């Protein structure tokens, strides 16, 4: 629930900025991200998740095991992955991998929207 509130606050700040009510805005990065839930929601192994999104396998294992917490930049990136994995894959991977990933994640994304 805290993640939702963080995202909601960030969106409100962006709206205020776009409406000219605020000079600049500060992005609110979630204080906690459930890496395991994100990965499992995409039906990926730890190794595949780390390779696909550029994390070290050790980092993913430590995050999921609770031994380490992702830094703010990683939490922001993980939030984007959770919301739109296809966009991240398109930005980070060659076109042939993107086509395969779109097919894989389309059914998952369509079921959650």
C-alpha atoms as a PDB file:
ATOM      1  CA  UNK A   1       0.000   0.000   0.000  1.00  0.00           C
ATOM      2  CA  UNK A   2       2.878   2.375   0.724  1.00  0.00           C
ATOM      3  CA  UNK A   3       4.114   1.952  -2.840  1.00  0.00           C
ATOM      4  CA  UNK A   4       0.729   3.034  -4.179  1.00  0.00           C
ATOM      5  CA  UNK A   5       0.707   6.118  -1.946  1.00  0.00           C
ATOM      6  CA  UNK A   6       4.247   7.010  -3.065  1.00  0.00           C
ATOM      7  CA  UNK A   7       3.267   6.685  -6.723  1.00  0.00           C
ATOM      8  CA  UNK A   8       0.066   8.664  -6.168  1.00  0.00           C
ATOM      9  CA  UNK A   9       1.969  11.495  -4.485  1.00  0.00           C
ATOM     10  CA  UNK A  10       4.475  11.570  -7.340  1.00  0.00           C
ATOM     11  CA  UNK A  11       1.699  11.761  -9.937  1.00  0.00           C
ATOM     12  CA  UNK A  12       0.033  14.601  -8.050  1.00  0.00           C
ATOM     13  CA  UNK A  13       3.329  16.516  -8.080  1.00  0.00           C
ATOM     14  CA  UNK A  14       3.726  15.947 -11.837  1.00  0.00           C
ATOM     15  CA  UNK A  15       0.166  17.183 -12.463  1.00  0.00           C
ATOM     16  CA  UNK A  16       0.829  20.319 -10.427  1.00  0.00           C
ATOM     17  CA  UNK A  17       4.009  20.967 -12.390  1.00  0.00           C
ATOM     18  CA  UNK A  18       2.276  20.462 -15.749  1.00  0.00           C
ATOM     19  CA  UNK A  19      -0.555  22.746 -14.699  1.00  0.00           C
ATOM     20  CA  UNK A  20       1.969  25.481 -13.876  1.00  0.00           C
ATOM     21  CA  UNK A  21       1.124  25.388 -10.188  1.00  0.00           C
ATOM     22  CA  UNK A  22       4.577  24.277  -9.138  1.00  0.00           C
ATOM     23  CA  UNK A  23       8.116  25.118 -10.267  1.00  0.00           C
ATOM     24  CA  UNK A  24       9.716  21.763 -10.877  1.00  0.00           C
ATOM     25  CA  UNK A  25       8.868  18.656  -8.941  1.00  0.00           C
ATOM     26  CA  UNK A  26      10.633  15.966  -7.036  1.00  0.00           C
ATOM     27  CA  UNK A  27       9.990  12.377  -7.969  1.00  0.00           C
ATOM     28  CA  UNK A  28       8.977  10.214  -5.056  1.00  0.00           C
ATOM     29  CA  UNK A  29      10.769   6.891  -5.245  1.00  0.00           C
ATOM     30  CA  UNK A  30       9.045   4.033  -3.425  1.00  0.00           C
ATOM     31  CA  UNK A  31      10.767   3.144  -0.159  1.00  0.00           C
ATOM     32  CA  UNK A  32      10.142  -0.563  -0.766  1.00  0.00           C
ATOM     33  CA  UNK A  33       9.797  -2.668  -3.897  1.00  0.00           C
ATOM     34  CA  UNK A  34       8.885  -6.360  -3.880  1.00  0.00           C
ATOM     35  CA  UNK A  35      11.476  -7.623  -6.347  1.00  0.00           C
ATOM     36  CA  UNK A  36      10.370 -11.239  -6.042  1.00  0.00           C
ATOM     37  CA  UNK A  37       6.748 -10.330  -6.752  1.00  0.00           C
ATOM     38  CA  UNK A  38       7.746  -8.280  -9.809  1.00  0.00           C
ATOM     39  CA  UNK A  39       9.933 -11.093 -11.135  1.00  0.00           C
ATOM     40  CA  UNK A  40       7.365 -13.816 -10.489  1.00  0.00           C
ATOM     41  CA  UNK A  41       4.645 -11.664 -12.038  1.00  0.00           C
ATOM     42  CA  UNK A  42       6.696 -11.707 -15.236  1.00  0.00           C
ATOM     43  CA  UNK A  43       7.197 -15.480 -14.890  1.00  0.00           C
ATOM     44  CA  UNK A  44      10.997 -15.190 -14.963  1.00  0.00           C
ATOM     45  CA  UNK A  45      13.745 -17.016 -13.114  1.00  0.00           C
ATOM     46  CA  UNK A  46      16.178 -14.926 -11.120  1.00  0.00           C
ATOM     47  CA  UNK A  47      18.839 -15.515 -13.769  1.00  0.00           C
ATOM     48  CA  UNK A  48      16.568 -14.530 -16.664  1.00  0.00           C
ATOM     49  CA  UNK A  49      15.266 -11.458 -14.796  1.00  0.00           C
ATOM     50  CA  UNK A  50      18.795 -10.267 -14.026  1.00  0.00           C
ATOM     51  CA  UNK A  51      19.962 -10.823 -17.623  1.00  0.00           C
ATOM     52  CA  UNK A  52      16.929  -9.210 -19.216  1.00  0.00           C
ATOM     53  CA  UNK A  53      17.000  -6.045 -17.109  1.00  0.00           C
ATOM     54  CA  UNK A  54      20.739  -5.660 -16.443  1.00  0.00           C
ATOM     55  CA  UNK A  55      20.930  -6.534 -12.748  1.00  0.00           C
ATOM     56  CA  UNK A  56      23.576  -8.809 -11.313  1.00  0.00           C
ATOM     57  CA  UNK A  57      22.214 -12.192 -10.301  1.00  0.00           C
ATOM     58  CA  UNK A  58      23.715 -11.719  -6.831  1.00  0.00           C
ATOM     59  CA  UNK A  59      21.857  -8.416  -6.393  1.00  0.00           C
ATOM     60  CA  UNK A  60      18.522 -10.029  -7.294  1.00  0.00           C
ATOM     61  CA  UNK A  61      19.181 -12.910  -4.884  1.00  0.00           C
ATOM     62  CA  UNK A  62      20.146 -10.532  -2.072  1.00  0.00           C
ATOM     63  CA  UNK A  63      17.133  -8.267  -2.683  1.00  0.00           C
ATOM     64  CA  UNK A  64      14.734 -11.180  -2.689  1.00  0.00           C
ATOM     65  CA  UNK A  65      16.373 -12.745   0.358  1.00  0.00           C
ATOM     66  CA  UNK A  66      16.093  -9.493   2.315  1.00  0.00           C
ATOM     67  CA  UNK A  67      19.857  -9.237   2.810  1.00  0.00           C
ATOM     68  CA  UNK A  68      20.068  -6.000   0.824  1.00  0.00           C
ATOM     69  CA  UNK A  69      17.683  -3.261  -0.238  1.00  0.00           C
ATOM     70  CA  UNK A  70      17.809  -1.836  -3.759  1.00  0.00           C
ATOM     71  CA  UNK A  71      19.225   1.693  -3.963  1.00  0.00           C
ATOM     72  CA  UNK A  72      16.790   4.485  -4.893  1.00  0.00           C
ATOM     73  CA  UNK A  73      17.736   4.367  -8.587  1.00  0.00           C
ATOM     74  CA  UNK A  74      17.188   0.592  -8.698  1.00  0.00           C
ATOM     75  CA  UNK A  75      13.823   0.982  -6.918  1.00  0.00           C
ATOM     76  CA  UNK A  76      12.773   3.566  -9.493  1.00  0.00           C
ATOM     77  CA  UNK A  77      13.884   1.264 -12.320  1.00  0.00           C
ATOM     78  CA  UNK A  78      12.108  -1.729 -10.751  1.00  0.00           C
ATOM     79  CA  UNK A  79       8.935   0.357 -10.487  1.00  0.00           C
ATOM     80  CA  UNK A  80       9.104   1.062 -14.224  1.00  0.00           C
ATOM     81  CA  UNK A  81       9.726  -2.634 -14.918  1.00  0.00           C
ATOM     82  CA  UNK A  82       6.659  -3.543 -12.860  1.00  0.00           C
ATOM     83  CA  UNK A  83       4.488  -1.016 -14.728  1.00  0.00           C
ATOM     84  CA  UNK A  84       5.769  -1.482 -18.278  1.00  0.00           C
ATOM     85  CA  UNK A  85       8.276  -4.299 -18.801  1.00  0.00           C
ATOM     86  CA  UNK A  86       7.880  -4.122 -22.589  1.00  0.00           C
ATOM     87  CA  UNK A  87       9.083  -0.506 -22.683  1.00  0.00           C
ATOM     88  CA  UNK A  88      12.160  -1.363 -20.631  1.00  0.00           C
ATOM     89  CA  UNK A  89      12.940  -4.364 -22.815  1.00  0.00           C
ATOM     90  CA  UNK A  90      12.534  -2.241 -25.943  1.00  0.00           C
ATOM     91  CA  UNK A  91      14.924   0.366 -24.570  1.00  0.00           C
ATOM     92  CA  UNK A  92      17.591  -2.093 -23.435  1.00  0.00           C
ATOM     93  CA  UNK A  93      17.545  -4.911 -25.964  1.00  0.00           C
ATOM     94  CA  UNK A  94      18.058  -5.516 -29.683  1.00  0.00           C
ATOM     95  CA  UNK A  95      14.883  -5.573 -31.846  1.00  0.00           C
ATOM     96  CA  UNK A  96      14.710  -9.378 -32.197  1.00  0.00           C
ATOM     97  CA  UNK A  97      14.650  -9.805 -28.405  1.00  0.00           C
ATOM     98  CA  UNK A  98      11.992  -7.105 -28.135  1.00  0.00           C
ATOM     99  CA  UNK A  99       9.665  -8.955 -30.533  1.00  0.00           C
ATOM    100  CA  UNK A 100      10.000 -12.163 -28.520  1.00  0.00           C
ATOM    101  CA  UNK A 101       9.467 -10.355 -25.216  1.00  0.00           C
ATOM    102  CA  UNK A 102       6.383  -8.520 -26.486  1.00  0.00           C
ATOM    103  CA  UNK A 103       4.780 -11.817 -27.369  1.00  0.00           C
ATOM    104  CA  UNK A 104       5.656 -13.225 -23.968  1.00  0.00           C
ATOM    105  CA  UNK A 105       4.435 -10.296 -21.859  1.00  0.00           C
ATOM    106  CA  UNK A 106       1.391  -9.274 -23.917  1.00  0.00           C
ATOM    107  CA  UNK A 107      -0.828 -11.932 -22.399  1.00  0.00           C
ATOM    108  CA  UNK A 108       0.376 -11.085 -18.872  1.00  0.00           C
ATOM    109  CA  UNK A 109      -0.118  -7.334 -19.324  1.00  0.00           C
ATOM    110  CA  UNK A 110      -3.545  -7.780 -20.912  1.00  0.00           C
ATOM    111  CA  UNK A 111      -4.692  -9.905 -17.976  1.00  0.00           C
ATOM    112  CA  UNK A 112      -3.758  -7.209 -15.439  1.00  0.00           C
ATOM    113  CA  UNK A 113      -5.278  -4.204 -17.238  1.00  0.00           C
END
